[in-house]
Amino acid sequence: MASYNLLIKPSAAKELEAVPLKKRRLLVSRLGRLSSDPRPLGSEKIAGTDRYRLRQGDYRAVYEVQDQKLQVIIVKIGHRRDVYR
């Protein structure tokens, strides 16, 4: 399987900085693994969009997979109560 490029939008990078350090490390580790497996066990497609979500505790990462370009784009990161708004 080919390796995907992992891109993070500047707005998502700012949102990641707001996550507490201990939880951020776990989240970054999970996000890093998306380059080898963009649809890991536990990720779900968000209804009505071409986006997926990745859960890590109370935090969620919303991302898009572009198979033609072999890219994973992190769109939004946040607490579960806020990320889908």
C-alpha atoms as a PDB file:
ATOM      1  CA  MET A   1       0.000   0.000   0.000  1.00  0.00           C
ATOM      2  CA  ALA A   2       1.271   3.458  -0.881  1.00  0.00           C
ATOM      3  CA  SER A   3       2.045   6.063   1.746  1.00  0.00           C
ATOM      4  CA  TYR A   4      -0.224   9.107   1.909  1.00  0.00           C
ATOM      5  CA  ASN A   5       0.982  12.671   2.444  1.00  0.00           C
ATOM      6  CA  LEU A   6      -0.425  14.120   5.651  1.00  0.00           C
ATOM      7  CA  LEU A   7      -1.418  17.791   5.390  1.00  0.00           C
ATOM      8  CA  ILE A   8      -2.894  19.898   8.161  1.00  0.00           C
ATOM      9  CA  LYS A   9      -4.820  23.110   7.544  1.00  0.00           C
ATOM     10  CA  PRO A  10      -3.466  26.136   9.442  1.00  0.00           C
ATOM     11  CA  SER A  11      -6.767  26.486  11.289  1.00  0.00           C
ATOM     12  CA  ALA A  12      -6.573  22.849  12.418  1.00  0.00           C
ATOM     13  CA  ALA A  13      -2.981  23.388  13.584  1.00  0.00           C
ATOM     14  CA  LYS A  14      -4.188  26.228  15.824  1.00  0.00           C
ATOM     15  CA  GLU A  15      -6.968  24.030  17.163  1.00  0.00           C
ATOM     16  CA  LEU A  16      -4.420  21.300  17.912  1.00  0.00           C
ATOM     17  CA  GLU A  17      -2.347  23.735  19.983  1.00  0.00           C
ATOM     18  CA  ALA A  18      -5.417  24.339  22.198  1.00  0.00           C
ATOM     19  CA  VAL A  19      -5.608  20.633  23.138  1.00  0.00           C
ATOM     20  CA  PRO A  20      -3.982  19.817  26.520  1.00  0.00           C
ATOM     21  CA  LEU A  21      -0.420  18.513  26.103  1.00  0.00           C
ATOM     22  CA  LYS A  22      -0.954  14.918  27.284  1.00  0.00           C
ATOM     23  CA  LYS A  23      -3.994  14.454  25.061  1.00  0.00           C
ATOM     24  CA  ARG A  24      -2.285  16.282  22.185  1.00  0.00           C
ATOM     25  CA  ARG A  25       0.553  13.734  22.162  1.00  0.00           C
ATOM     26  CA  LEU A  26      -1.902  10.857  21.822  1.00  0.00           C
ATOM     27  CA  LEU A  27      -3.830  12.682  19.119  1.00  0.00           C
ATOM     28  CA  VAL A  28      -0.688  13.532  17.127  1.00  0.00           C
ATOM     29  CA  SER A  29       0.399   9.897  17.329  1.00  0.00           C
ATOM     30  CA  ARG A  30      -2.951   8.729  15.939  1.00  0.00           C
ATOM     31  CA  LEU A  31      -2.902  11.390  13.213  1.00  0.00           C
ATOM     32  CA  GLY A  32       0.607  10.365  12.169  1.00  0.00           C
ATOM     33  CA  ARG A  33      -0.559   6.825  11.518  1.00  0.00           C
ATOM     34  CA  LEU A  34      -3.111   8.102   8.977  1.00  0.00           C
ATOM     35  CA  SER A  35      -0.303   8.366   6.397  1.00  0.00           C
ATOM     36  CA  SER A  36      -0.001   4.580   6.268  1.00  0.00           C
ATOM     37  CA  ASP A  37      -3.690   3.756   6.843  1.00  0.00           C
ATOM     38  CA  PRO A  38      -6.092   6.634   6.050  1.00  0.00           C
ATOM     39  CA  ARG A  39      -9.151   4.672   7.136  1.00  0.00           C
ATOM     40  CA  PRO A  40      -8.087   2.867  10.329  1.00  0.00           C
ATOM     41  CA  LEU A  41     -10.313   0.753  12.496  1.00  0.00           C
ATOM     42  CA  GLY A  42     -12.515   3.107  14.492  1.00  0.00           C
ATOM     43  CA  SER A  43     -12.626   5.947  11.973  1.00  0.00           C
ATOM     44  CA  GLU A  44     -16.051   6.676  10.544  1.00  0.00           C
ATOM     45  CA  LYS A  45     -17.316   8.471   7.485  1.00  0.00           C
ATOM     46  CA  ILE A  46     -19.351  11.555   8.370  1.00  0.00           C
ATOM     47  CA  ALA A  47     -22.811  11.364   6.814  1.00  0.00           C
ATOM     48  CA  GLY A  48     -23.474  13.801   3.984  1.00  0.00           C
ATOM     49  CA  THR A  49     -19.802  14.660   3.371  1.00  0.00           C
ATOM     50  CA  ASP A  50     -16.623  13.083   2.018  1.00  0.00           C
ATOM     51  CA  ARG A  51     -14.948  13.506   5.403  1.00  0.00           C
ATOM     52  CA  TYR A  52     -13.994  11.071   8.125  1.00  0.00           C
ATOM     53  CA  ARG A  53     -13.607  11.437  11.860  1.00  0.00           C
ATOM     54  CA  LEU A  54     -10.988   9.995  14.158  1.00  0.00           C
ATOM     55  CA  ARG A  55     -11.710   9.686  17.886  1.00  0.00           C
ATOM     56  CA  GLN A  56      -9.105  10.093  20.612  1.00  0.00           C
ATOM     57  CA  GLY A  57     -10.735  10.339  24.012  1.00  0.00           C
ATOM     58  CA  ASP A  58     -12.934  13.438  24.121  1.00  0.00           C
ATOM     59  CA  TYR A  59     -11.254  14.930  21.044  1.00  0.00           C
ATOM     60  CA  ARG A  60     -12.038  14.435  17.389  1.00  0.00           C
ATOM     61  CA  ALA A  61     -10.124  15.058  14.186  1.00  0.00           C
ATOM     62  CA  VAL A  62     -12.101  15.570  10.981  1.00  0.00           C
ATOM     63  CA  TYR A  63     -10.179  14.801   7.805  1.00  0.00           C
ATOM     64  CA  GLU A  64     -10.520  14.220   4.070  1.00  0.00           C
ATOM     65  CA  VAL A  65      -8.881  11.459   2.073  1.00  0.00           C
ATOM     66  CA  GLN A  66      -7.877  12.194  -1.526  1.00  0.00           C
ATOM     67  CA  ASP A  67      -6.994   8.809  -2.976  1.00  0.00           C
ATOM     68  CA  GLN A  68      -6.058  10.164  -6.413  1.00  0.00           C
ATOM     69  CA  LYS A  69      -3.398  12.474  -4.939  1.00  0.00           C
ATOM     70  CA  LEU A  70      -2.523  10.139  -2.025  1.00  0.00           C
ATOM     71  CA  GLN A  71      -3.262  12.901   0.500  1.00  0.00           C
ATOM     72  CA  VAL A  72      -4.920  13.053   3.895  1.00  0.00           C
ATOM     73  CA  ILE A  73      -5.966  16.591   4.869  1.00  0.00           C
ATOM     74  CA  ILE A  74      -6.745  17.327   8.521  1.00  0.00           C
ATOM     75  CA  VAL A  75      -9.601  19.847   8.382  1.00  0.00           C
ATOM     76  CA  LYS A  76     -10.669  20.352  11.995  1.00  0.00           C
ATOM     77  CA  ILE A  77      -9.610  19.266  15.490  1.00  0.00           C
ATOM     78  CA  GLY A  78     -11.558  19.871  18.663  1.00  0.00           C
ATOM     79  CA  HIS A  79     -13.512  18.650  21.645  1.00  0.00           C
ATOM     80  CA  ARG A  80     -16.352  16.323  20.737  1.00  0.00           C
ATOM     81  CA  ARG A  81     -19.014  18.824  21.772  1.00  0.00           C
ATOM     82  CA  ASP A  82     -17.672  21.514  19.394  1.00  0.00           C
ATOM     83  CA  VAL A  83     -15.981  19.858  16.437  1.00  0.00           C
ATOM     84  CA  TYR A  84     -19.053  19.125  14.296  1.00  0.00           C
ATOM     85  CA  ARG A  85     -20.507  22.649  14.493  1.00  0.00           C
END
